[in-house]
């Protein structure tokens, strides 16, 4: 399965000390969630946002950058942004609490 995004792209949303390998493993989790939910639109952005939420959960020193610099370090804020993207693209909106 080809990943919907990569570590470099995720780093445009969130600053973290996690390695690219760590981020790539989190992308795999995010992409499996996308597959399981049957999502078909905005896959790259959803994958990036879900991965950012996983990073925020795993690395408490991480923080949003760029357009997301005003976000706190709370993983739920990343999930809320992901839900907004899903809703705007008419996709199912159920978000799991624990991937």
Protein backbone atom coordinates (compact mmCIF):
# COMPACT_ATOMS: atom_id res chain seq x y z
CA UNK A 1 0.00 0.00 0.00
CA UNK A 2 1.35 3.43 -0.95
CA UNK A 3 1.33 5.97 1.86
CA UNK A 4 -0.96 8.97 1.52
CA UNK A 5 1.78 11.30 2.79
CA UNK A 6 5.36 11.22 4.02
CA UNK A 7 7.30 12.38 7.08
CA UNK A 8 8.55 15.56 5.38
CA UNK A 9 4.97 16.59 4.59
CA UNK A 10 3.83 15.88 8.16
CA UNK A 11 6.69 18.04 9.45
CA UNK A 12 5.12 21.02 7.65
CA UNK A 13 2.28 20.80 10.21
CA UNK A 14 4.01 19.82 13.43
CA UNK A 15 7.45 20.19 14.96
CA UNK A 16 8.64 17.03 16.68
CA UNK A 17 11.77 15.28 17.82
CA UNK A 18 10.48 11.95 16.46
CA UNK A 19 12.55 10.39 13.69
CA UNK A 20 11.31 10.04 10.13
CA UNK A 21 11.04 6.30 10.77
CA UNK A 22 8.81 6.93 13.80
CA UNK A 23 6.64 9.31 11.79
CA UNK A 24 6.42 6.83 8.91
CA UNK A 25 5.13 4.15 11.28
CA UNK A 26 2.47 6.59 12.53
CA UNK A 27 1.52 7.40 8.93
CA UNK A 28 0.91 3.68 8.43
CA UNK A 29 -1.54 3.72 11.35
CA UNK A 30 -3.27 6.84 9.98
CA UNK A 31 -3.54 5.35 6.51
CA UNK A 32 -5.00 2.12 7.87
CA UNK A 33 -7.64 4.21 9.64
CA UNK A 34 -8.44 5.94 6.33
CA UNK A 35 -8.76 2.55 4.61
CA UNK A 36 -10.91 1.11 7.40
CA UNK A 37 -13.28 4.11 7.26
CA UNK A 38 -13.58 3.90 3.48
CA UNK A 39 -12.56 7.52 3.01
CA UNK A 40 -11.88 8.54 -0.57
CA UNK A 41 -11.33 12.34 -0.57
CA UNK A 42 -8.60 14.59 0.85
CA UNK A 43 -6.58 11.51 1.76
CA UNK A 44 -3.25 13.29 1.99
CA UNK A 45 -4.49 16.03 4.31
CA UNK A 46 -6.47 13.60 6.48
CA UNK A 47 -3.41 11.34 6.77
CA UNK A 48 -1.21 14.30 7.68
CA UNK A 49 -3.65 15.59 10.32
CA UNK A 50 -4.25 12.17 11.87
CA UNK A 51 -0.50 11.54 11.95
CA UNK A 52 -0.02 14.94 13.63
CA UNK A 53 -2.55 13.92 16.28
CA UNK A 54 -0.62 10.71 16.91
CA UNK A 55 2.63 12.65 17.15
CA UNK A 56 1.08 15.11 19.62
CA UNK A 57 -0.04 12.16 21.73
CA UNK A 58 3.36 10.45 21.59
CA UNK A 59 5.66 13.51 21.79
CA UNK A 60 4.32 15.96 24.37
CA UNK A 61 6.94 18.54 23.32
CA UNK A 62 5.62 18.70 19.76
CA UNK A 63 3.77 21.80 18.56
CA UNK A 64 1.90 23.01 15.51
CA UNK A 65 3.74 25.12 12.94
CA UNK A 66 2.82 27.01 9.79
CA UNK A 67 -0.94 27.40 9.46
CA UNK A 68 -1.33 25.32 12.63
CA UNK A 69 1.04 27.34 14.85
CA UNK A 70 -1.86 28.56 16.98
CA UNK A 71 -2.94 25.03 17.88
CA UNK A 72 -2.08 23.78 21.30
CA UNK A 73 -0.27 20.52 21.77
CA UNK A 74 -3.54 18.72 22.40
CA UNK A 75 -3.99 15.70 20.08
CA UNK A 76 -7.75 16.36 20.03
CA UNK A 77 -7.23 19.66 18.21
CA UNK A 78 -5.61 17.75 15.35
CA UNK A 79 -8.50 15.25 15.37
CA UNK A 80 -11.02 18.12 15.32
CA UNK A 81 -9.28 19.62 12.29
CA UNK A 82 -9.31 16.21 10.61
CA UNK A 83 -13.03 15.82 11.34
CA UNK A 84 -13.65 19.25 9.81
CA UNK A 85 -11.86 18.20 6.60
CA UNK A 86 -13.83 14.95 6.45
CA UNK A 87 -17.11 16.79 6.98
CA UNK A 88 -16.28 19.38 4.33
CA UNK A 89 -15.62 16.63 1.80
CA UNK A 90 -18.87 14.79 2.62
CA UNK A 91 -17.11 11.81 4.12
CA UNK A 92 -18.19 9.83 7.20
CA UNK A 93 -17.38 11.77 10.37
CA UNK A 94 -16.89 9.09 12.99
CA UNK A 95 -13.50 9.53 14.63
CA UNK A 96 -12.08 6.78 16.81
CA UNK A 97 -10.63 7.73 20.18
CA UNK A 98 -7.79 5.24 20.05
CA UNK A 99 -6.36 4.13 16.72
